N, C-alpha and C. Protein backbone atom coordinates (compact mmCIF):
# COMPACT_ATOMS: atom_id res chain seq x y z
N MET A 1 -17.45 46.11 37.45
CA MET A 1 -17.31 44.74 37.99
C MET A 1 -16.37 43.95 37.09
N LYS A 2 -16.53 44.05 35.68
CA LYS A 2 -15.54 43.56 34.90
C LYS A 2 -14.26 43.95 34.81
N LEU A 3 -14.01 45.23 35.23
CA LEU A 3 -12.67 45.67 35.29
C LEU A 3 -11.97 45.08 36.71
N LEU A 4 -12.70 44.82 37.79
CA LEU A 4 -12.34 44.26 38.88
C LEU A 4 -11.88 42.78 38.76
N CYS A 5 -12.72 42.18 37.95
CA CYS A 5 -12.56 40.61 37.55
C CYS A 5 -11.21 40.45 36.85
N ILE A 6 -11.09 41.44 35.91
CA ILE A 6 -9.73 41.42 35.22
C ILE A 6 -8.47 41.73 36.09
N LEU A 7 -8.71 42.72 36.99
CA LEU A 7 -7.53 43.10 37.91
C LEU A 7 -7.15 41.77 38.82
N VAL A 8 -8.03 41.13 39.20
CA VAL A 8 -7.92 39.94 40.08
C VAL A 8 -7.30 38.89 39.45
N ALA A 9 -7.74 38.66 38.10
CA ALA A 9 -7.01 37.62 36.94
C ALA A 9 -5.70 38.14 37.09
N ASP A 10 -5.63 39.04 36.65
CA ASP A 10 -4.21 39.58 36.33
C ASP A 10 -3.17 39.44 37.54
N LEU A 11 -3.60 39.92 38.74
CA LEU A 11 -2.85 39.64 39.92
C LEU A 11 -2.69 38.06 40.36
N TYR A 12 -3.73 37.21 39.98
CA TYR A 12 -3.49 35.83 40.34
C TYR A 12 -2.51 35.28 39.28
N VAL A 13 -2.62 35.63 38.04
CA VAL A 13 -1.55 35.06 37.03
C VAL A 13 -0.19 35.48 37.27
N PHE A 14 -0.19 36.76 37.57
CA PHE A 14 1.09 37.32 38.19
C PHE A 14 1.71 36.75 39.33
N PHE A 15 1.13 36.29 40.22
CA PHE A 15 1.56 35.57 41.25
C PHE A 15 1.96 34.06 41.05
N ILE A 16 1.15 33.46 40.10
CA ILE A 16 1.40 32.08 39.71
C ILE A 16 2.84 31.87 38.99
N MET A 17 2.97 33.22 38.19
CA MET A 17 4.18 33.16 37.35
C MET A 17 5.38 33.50 38.28
N TYR A 18 5.18 34.26 39.26
CA TYR A 18 6.41 34.39 40.16
C TYR A 18 6.57 33.05 41.07
N VAL A 19 5.76 32.36 41.58
CA VAL A 19 5.83 31.11 42.07
C VAL A 19 6.77 30.22 41.07
N ALA A 20 6.18 29.89 40.02
CA ALA A 20 6.86 29.19 39.07
C ALA A 20 8.27 29.65 38.76
N SER A 21 8.52 31.17 38.46
CA SER A 21 9.82 31.65 38.31
C SER A 21 10.69 31.23 39.49
N MET A 22 10.31 31.26 40.70
CA MET A 22 11.16 31.10 41.95
C MET A 22 11.66 29.57 41.98
N GLY A 23 10.52 28.62 41.27
CA GLY A 23 10.92 27.21 41.20
C GLY A 23 12.04 26.92 40.14
N MET A 24 12.30 27.85 39.13
CA MET A 24 13.14 27.70 38.25
C MET A 24 14.24 28.46 38.76
N ILE A 25 14.38 29.55 39.47
CA ILE A 25 15.60 30.04 40.26
C ILE A 25 16.27 29.04 41.03
N ARG A 26 15.39 28.38 41.80
CA ARG A 26 15.75 27.49 42.97
C ARG A 26 16.48 26.02 41.98
N ALA A 27 16.06 25.79 41.10
CA ALA A 27 16.45 24.48 40.21
C ALA A 27 17.77 24.98 39.60
N HIS A 28 17.89 26.36 39.08
CA HIS A 28 19.25 26.85 38.62
C HIS A 28 20.30 26.92 39.72
N ALA A 29 19.85 27.30 40.80
CA ALA A 29 20.79 27.75 41.90
C ALA A 29 21.28 26.28 42.19
N GLU A 30 20.44 25.09 42.17
CA GLU A 30 20.96 23.88 42.45
C GLU A 30 21.54 23.03 41.39
N ASN A 31 21.91 23.71 40.38
CA ASN A 31 22.46 23.10 39.05
C ASN A 31 21.47 22.06 38.50
N LYS A 32 20.32 22.24 38.66
CA LYS A 32 19.55 21.16 38.11
C LYS A 32 18.76 21.68 36.68
N LEU A 33 18.95 22.97 36.56
CA LEU A 33 18.40 23.46 35.26
C LEU A 33 19.34 23.84 34.00
N ASN A 34 19.55 22.44 33.34
CA ASN A 34 20.58 22.56 32.46
C ASN A 34 19.91 22.09 31.10
N GLY A 35 20.57 22.15 29.99
CA GLY A 35 20.23 21.75 28.72
C GLY A 35 18.89 22.17 28.41
N VAL A 36 18.16 21.08 27.93
CA VAL A 36 16.93 21.20 27.57
C VAL A 36 15.90 22.04 28.40
N LEU A 37 15.88 21.85 29.77
CA LEU A 37 15.27 22.28 30.81
C LEU A 37 15.45 24.00 30.77
N TRP A 38 16.74 24.26 30.59
CA TRP A 38 17.04 25.73 30.58
C TRP A 38 16.42 26.33 29.19
N VAL A 39 16.48 25.73 28.12
CA VAL A 39 15.73 26.24 26.82
C VAL A 39 14.33 26.40 26.88
N LEU A 40 13.80 25.21 27.63
CA LEU A 40 12.19 25.43 27.99
C LEU A 40 11.72 26.48 28.71
N CYS A 41 12.81 26.74 29.79
CA CYS A 41 12.35 27.94 30.79
C CYS A 41 12.48 29.41 30.27
N LEU A 42 13.36 29.56 29.38
CA LEU A 42 13.72 30.85 28.84
C LEU A 42 12.67 31.72 28.36
N PRO A 43 11.60 31.06 27.44
CA PRO A 43 10.47 31.93 27.02
C PRO A 43 9.54 32.27 28.21
N PHE A 44 9.27 31.56 29.19
CA PHE A 44 8.48 31.65 30.39
C PHE A 44 9.19 32.88 31.10
N VAL A 45 10.52 32.73 31.20
CA VAL A 45 10.98 33.95 32.12
C VAL A 45 10.86 35.26 31.39
N ALA A 46 11.26 35.23 30.10
CA ALA A 46 11.04 36.55 29.27
C ALA A 46 9.67 36.88 29.43
N ILE A 47 8.72 36.16 29.18
CA ILE A 47 7.30 36.65 29.43
C ILE A 47 6.87 37.19 30.79
N SER A 48 7.56 36.44 31.75
CA SER A 48 7.33 36.82 33.09
C SER A 48 8.10 38.37 33.38
N VAL A 49 8.93 38.39 32.94
CA VAL A 49 9.61 39.86 32.91
C VAL A 49 8.97 40.86 32.48
N VAL A 50 8.39 40.69 31.07
CA VAL A 50 7.41 41.79 30.60
C VAL A 50 6.33 41.86 31.30
N ILE A 51 5.55 40.78 31.83
CA ILE A 51 4.16 41.08 32.54
C ILE A 51 4.70 41.60 33.97
N ASP A 52 5.90 41.44 34.61
CA ASP A 52 6.31 42.16 35.68
C ASP A 52 6.36 43.58 35.44
N PHE A 53 7.02 44.00 34.24
CA PHE A 53 7.18 45.24 33.91
C PHE A 53 5.85 45.99 33.71
N ILE A 54 4.85 45.12 32.86
CA ILE A 54 3.63 46.02 32.66
C ILE A 54 2.71 46.19 33.95
N ASN A 55 2.95 45.30 34.92
CA ASN A 55 2.26 45.25 36.16
C ASN A 55 2.84 46.57 36.92
N ASN A 56 4.03 46.54 37.11
CA ASN A 56 4.69 47.70 37.82
C ASN A 56 4.23 49.12 37.25
N MET A 57 4.20 49.12 36.04
CA MET A 57 3.59 50.64 35.19
C MET A 57 2.20 50.86 35.60
N THR A 58 1.52 49.81 35.56
CA THR A 58 -0.11 50.27 35.56
C THR A 58 -0.68 49.67 36.91
N VAL A 59 -0.84 48.33 37.38
CA VAL A 59 -1.51 47.99 38.65
C VAL A 59 -0.80 48.33 39.96
N PHE A 60 0.54 48.40 39.91
CA PHE A 60 1.08 48.76 41.03
C PHE A 60 1.52 50.24 41.33
N SER A 61 1.36 50.87 40.10
CA SER A 61 1.39 52.46 40.27
C SER A 61 0.32 52.76 40.96
N ILE A 62 -0.83 52.14 40.59
CA ILE A 62 -2.33 52.56 41.38
C ILE A 62 -2.29 52.18 42.77
N LEU A 63 -1.97 50.89 42.91
CA LEU A 63 -1.62 50.34 44.46
C LEU A 63 -0.87 51.22 45.28
N PHE A 64 -0.02 51.56 44.99
CA PHE A 64 1.17 52.39 45.65
C PHE A 64 0.84 54.07 45.35
N ALA A 65 -0.08 54.28 44.60
CA ALA A 65 -0.34 55.73 44.44
C ALA A 65 0.84 56.55 43.89
N GLU A 66 1.67 56.05 43.04
CA GLU A 66 2.80 56.74 42.86
C GLU A 66 3.40 56.24 41.22
N LEU A 67 4.04 57.08 40.56
CA LEU A 67 4.56 56.57 39.15
C LEU A 67 5.76 55.69 39.49
N PRO A 68 6.13 54.88 38.92
CA PRO A 68 7.19 53.96 39.11
C PRO A 68 8.49 54.75 38.95
N LYS A 69 9.51 54.36 39.76
CA LYS A 69 10.75 54.80 39.68
C LYS A 69 11.82 53.64 39.18
N GLU A 70 11.22 52.51 39.11
CA GLU A 70 11.97 51.20 38.84
C GLU A 70 11.32 50.55 37.77
N LEU A 71 11.91 49.63 37.32
CA LEU A 71 11.34 48.62 36.01
C LEU A 71 10.41 47.59 36.57
N LEU A 72 10.71 47.04 37.52
CA LEU A 72 9.93 45.64 38.08
C LEU A 72 9.38 46.07 39.60
N VAL A 73 8.32 45.20 39.96
CA VAL A 73 7.59 45.34 41.16
C VAL A 73 8.58 45.05 42.34
N THR A 74 9.48 43.93 42.33
CA THR A 74 10.38 43.83 43.28
C THR A 74 11.07 44.92 43.66
N ALA A 75 11.68 45.67 42.78
CA ALA A 75 12.57 46.77 43.16
C ALA A 75 11.69 47.78 44.03
N ARG A 76 10.47 48.22 43.15
CA ARG A 76 9.52 49.17 43.93
C ARG A 76 9.48 48.51 45.50
N LEU A 77 8.89 47.34 45.65
CA LEU A 77 8.68 46.93 47.12
C LEU A 77 10.07 46.98 47.94
N LYS A 78 10.94 46.48 47.48
CA LYS A 78 12.41 46.85 48.09
C LYS A 78 12.65 48.15 48.71
N ARG A 79 12.14 49.18 47.81
CA ARG A 79 12.26 50.70 47.94
C ARG A 79 11.58 51.02 49.00
N HIS A 80 10.29 50.47 49.25
CA HIS A 80 9.27 50.82 50.14
C HIS A 80 9.47 49.98 51.56
N VAL A 81 9.96 49.00 51.49
CA VAL A 81 9.80 48.02 52.57
C VAL A 81 9.85 48.29 54.00
N ASN A 82 11.09 49.30 54.10
CA ASN A 82 11.57 49.75 55.39
C ASN A 82 10.92 51.29 55.90
N GLU A 83 9.88 51.55 55.00
CA GLU A 83 9.07 52.71 55.21
C GLU A 83 8.24 52.47 56.22
N GLN A 84 7.72 53.51 57.01
CA GLN A 84 6.68 53.71 57.97
C GLN A 84 5.44 54.37 57.41
N THR A 85 5.00 53.97 56.30
CA THR A 85 4.13 54.63 55.54
C THR A 85 2.97 53.52 55.06
N PHE A 86 1.92 53.82 54.22
CA PHE A 86 0.95 52.63 53.84
C PHE A 86 1.94 52.01 52.67
N ARG A 87 2.87 52.70 51.94
CA ARG A 87 3.47 51.78 50.94
C ARG A 87 4.29 50.73 51.61
N GLY A 88 4.94 51.14 52.64
CA GLY A 88 6.01 50.22 53.53
C GLY A 88 5.16 48.99 54.11
N LYS A 89 3.86 49.40 54.43
CA LYS A 89 3.18 48.49 55.19
C LYS A 89 2.73 47.29 54.14
N MET A 90 2.52 47.89 52.66
CA MET A 90 1.78 47.01 51.66
C MET A 90 3.08 46.44 51.16
N ALA A 91 4.24 46.70 51.24
CA ALA A 91 5.41 46.29 50.69
C ALA A 91 5.79 44.94 51.77
N ARG A 92 5.65 45.20 52.72
CA ARG A 92 6.14 44.24 53.89
C ARG A 92 5.02 42.98 53.75
N TRP A 93 3.76 43.40 53.39
CA TRP A 93 2.63 42.40 53.43
C TRP A 93 2.74 41.43 52.29
N PHE A 94 3.08 42.11 50.92
CA PHE A 94 3.40 41.31 49.87
C PHE A 94 4.78 40.51 50.03
N GLY A 95 5.84 41.04 50.69
CA GLY A 95 7.04 40.22 50.83
C GLY A 95 6.60 39.09 51.83
N ASN A 96 6.18 39.37 53.02
CA ASN A 96 5.84 38.43 53.98
C ASN A 96 4.90 37.33 53.80
N VAL A 97 3.68 37.68 53.08
CA VAL A 97 2.65 36.62 52.96
C VAL A 97 2.85 36.37 51.60
N LEU A 98 3.17 36.77 50.57
CA LEU A 98 3.02 36.39 49.19
C LEU A 98 4.45 35.86 48.46
N LEU A 99 5.31 36.59 48.83
CA LEU A 99 6.82 36.27 48.14
C LEU A 99 7.52 35.42 48.99
N ASN A 100 7.91 35.75 50.14
CA ASN A 100 8.80 35.03 50.87
C ASN A 100 8.82 33.31 50.85
N PRO A 101 7.42 32.90 51.10
CA PRO A 101 7.35 31.49 51.23
C PRO A 101 7.77 30.84 49.90
N PHE A 102 8.03 31.34 48.86
CA PHE A 102 8.53 30.70 47.59
C PHE A 102 10.06 31.18 47.18
N ASP A 103 10.54 32.27 47.98
CA ASP A 103 11.70 32.80 47.30
C ASP A 103 12.79 31.86 47.98
N HIS A 104 13.85 31.33 47.30
CA HIS A 104 14.71 30.14 47.80
C HIS A 104 15.58 30.92 48.84
N THR A 105 15.70 32.15 49.01
CA THR A 105 16.47 32.82 50.23
C THR A 105 15.62 32.86 51.55
N GLY A 106 14.33 32.93 51.18
CA GLY A 106 13.25 32.95 52.32
C GLY A 106 12.90 34.59 52.62
N ASN A 107 13.80 35.34 52.03
CA ASN A 107 13.14 36.86 52.08
C ASN A 107 13.45 37.46 50.71
N HIS A 108 12.40 37.66 50.03
CA HIS A 108 12.46 38.09 48.64
C HIS A 108 12.70 39.60 48.68
N LEU A 109 12.63 40.40 49.69
CA LEU A 109 12.79 41.88 49.77
C LEU A 109 14.39 42.13 50.25
N ASP A 110 14.90 41.30 50.75
CA ASP A 110 16.26 41.80 51.28
C ASP A 110 17.37 42.31 50.40
């Protein structure tokens, strides 16, 4: 039970970090992330990439029942999104339900 709580907490924090990162990417694309804001965001982005890597190597390896071939979760999802397998179905769900609403392009896995 404790492990399940840790897993759920990890995935929630990972999701919140994604949402915050997408906000930073949007601000950067709109040239609103300059100077002090840029410096303040850099540590968060670095930590987010590390957590993304760790989650891809662990949690998402278990969820997708495969060893990773890429470093980050998004790359794994992009590899599977067009497959007609359980991995493709999961990748599409993650993209459509959790990622796309916050991506500045509207489609995180394109």
